[in-house]
Amino acid sequence: MANHKSAIKRTRSNEAKRQRNRYQAKTVRTLLKKETQNEVPTDDLKKLLSSIDKLAKKNIFHKNKASNLKSKLMKRANKARAAAAAPKAAVAEKAPKAAKKTTSKAK
């Protein structure tokens, strides 16, 4: 146990910061889990990416881990968007083309 007032205060503040950091990290992990379980990216993706950046800035997540998480999320989001756009493009390709009418001239 600390004997000095400053050491006691430092212990209190460190515990408060630890609790805050754990809460923020857990919140982001929960959002990550929800986002990865969804087939289609949600509107929370932008908020999630911002939160990951904030945690990396505060050294709660390592900067490389944050970068890897964001990369994986964006890959999934882009893949889902491409898959959603693909059926529309396929329908446009399969549309029947109008056949040219040829008239034969009888002589």
Protein backbone atom coordinates (compact mmCIF):
# COMPACT_ATOMS: atom_id res chain seq x y z
CA MET A 1 0.00 0.00 0.00
CA ALA A 2 1.21 3.47 -0.88
CA ASN A 3 2.21 5.78 1.96
CA HIS A 4 2.37 9.15 0.21
CA LYS A 5 -0.67 11.21 -0.65
CA SER A 6 0.45 11.62 -4.25
CA ALA A 7 0.93 7.86 -4.63
CA ILE A 8 -2.54 7.20 -3.22
CA LYS A 9 -4.05 9.73 -5.60
CA ARG A 10 -2.10 8.23 -8.51
CA THR A 11 -3.45 4.77 -7.62
CA ARG A 12 -7.01 6.13 -7.61
CA SER A 13 -6.61 7.93 -10.93
CA ASN A 14 -4.92 4.92 -12.55
CA GLU A 15 -7.82 2.68 -11.54
CA ALA A 16 -10.34 5.17 -12.93
CA LYS A 17 -8.45 5.36 -16.22
CA ARG A 18 -8.16 1.57 -16.38
CA GLN A 19 -11.92 1.17 -15.92
CA ARG A 20 -12.64 3.81 -18.58
CA ASN A 21 -10.23 2.18 -21.05
CA ARG A 22 -11.71 -1.27 -20.46
CA TYR A 23 -15.22 0.06 -21.02
CA GLN A 24 -14.28 1.79 -24.27
CA ALA A 25 -12.39 -1.23 -25.59
CA LYS A 26 -15.25 -3.59 -24.69
CA THR A 27 -17.76 -1.30 -26.40
CA VAL A 28 -15.74 -1.34 -29.61
CA ARG A 29 -15.30 -5.13 -29.44
CA THR A 30 -19.07 -5.52 -29.09
CA LEU A 31 -19.71 -3.25 -32.08
CA LEU A 32 -17.13 -5.22 -34.06
CA LYS A 33 -18.87 -8.47 -33.25
CA LYS A 34 -22.25 -7.11 -34.30
CA GLU A 35 -20.83 -5.67 -37.50
CA THR A 36 -19.11 -8.91 -38.51
CA GLN A 37 -22.24 -10.97 -37.85
CA ASN A 38 -24.30 -8.85 -40.26
CA GLU A 39 -24.33 -9.74 -43.93
CA VAL A 40 -24.83 -6.13 -44.95
CA PRO A 41 -22.76 -3.32 -43.40
CA THR A 42 -24.79 -1.10 -41.11
CA ASP A 43 -24.81 2.65 -40.66
CA ASP A 44 -22.71 2.18 -37.51
CA LEU A 45 -19.64 1.35 -39.61
CA LYS A 46 -18.50 4.96 -39.79
CA LYS A 47 -18.96 5.34 -36.02
CA LEU A 48 -17.07 2.11 -35.42
CA LEU A 49 -14.11 3.14 -37.58
CA SER A 50 -13.95 6.46 -35.75
CA SER A 51 -14.00 4.70 -32.38
CA ILE A 52 -11.17 2.39 -33.42
CA ASP A 53 -9.09 5.41 -34.43
CA LYS A 54 -9.75 7.10 -31.10
CA LEU A 55 -8.68 4.02 -29.15
CA ALA A 56 -5.51 3.75 -31.21
CA LYS A 57 -4.75 7.39 -30.55
CA LYS A 58 -5.05 6.77 -26.79
CA ASN A 59 -2.91 3.61 -27.05
CA ILE A 60 -5.77 1.40 -25.86
CA PHE A 61 -5.43 -0.50 -29.15
CA HIS A 62 -2.05 -0.76 -30.85
CA LYS A 63 -1.97 1.31 -34.04
CA ASN A 64 -1.28 -1.77 -36.18
CA LYS A 65 -4.18 -3.66 -34.62
CA ALA A 66 -6.46 -0.72 -35.30
CA SER A 67 -5.28 -0.58 -38.90
CA ASN A 68 -5.85 -4.32 -39.36
CA LEU A 69 -9.35 -4.12 -37.86
CA LYS A 70 -10.31 -1.22 -40.10
CA SER A 71 -8.91 -2.98 -43.15
CA LYS A 72 -10.90 -6.15 -42.45
CA LEU A 73 -14.08 -4.17 -41.86
CA MET A 74 -13.71 -2.21 -45.08
CA LYS A 75 -12.99 -5.38 -47.07
CA ARG A 76 -16.20 -6.93 -45.75
CA ALA A 77 -18.18 -3.76 -46.40
CA ASN A 78 -16.88 -3.37 -49.95
CA LYS A 79 -17.52 -7.05 -50.69
CA ALA A 80 -21.09 -6.76 -49.40
CA ARG A 81 -21.71 -3.61 -51.43
CA ALA A 82 -20.35 -5.27 -54.56
CA ALA A 83 -22.55 -8.30 -53.98
CA ALA A 84 -25.59 -6.06 -53.52
CA ALA A 85 -24.81 -4.21 -56.76
CA ALA A 86 -24.06 -7.39 -58.76
CA PRO A 87 -27.69 -8.59 -59.18
CA LYS A 88 -28.67 -5.22 -60.64
CA ALA A 89 -25.84 -5.41 -63.18
CA ALA A 90 -26.73 -9.02 -64.05
CA VAL A 91 -30.35 -8.06 -64.73
CA ALA A 92 -29.23 -5.26 -67.02
CA GLU A 93 -27.00 -7.66 -69.00
CA LYS A 94 -29.68 -10.31 -69.42
CA ALA A 95 -32.26 -7.91 -70.85
CA PRO A 96 -33.23 -9.10 -74.33
CA LYS A 97 -31.98 -6.99 -77.18
CA ALA A 98 -34.38 -5.89 -79.83
CA ALA A 99 -33.90 -7.99 -82.94
CA LYS A 100 -33.32 -6.15 -86.19
CA LYS A 101 -36.02 -6.70 -88.72
CA THR A 102 -34.73 -7.46 -92.14
CA THR A 103 -36.93 -6.79 -95.04
CA SER A 104 -36.38 -8.78 -98.11
CA LYS A 105 -37.02 -7.00 -101.34
CA ALA A 106 -38.86 -9.11 -103.83
CA LYS A 107 -37.81 -8.50 -107.41
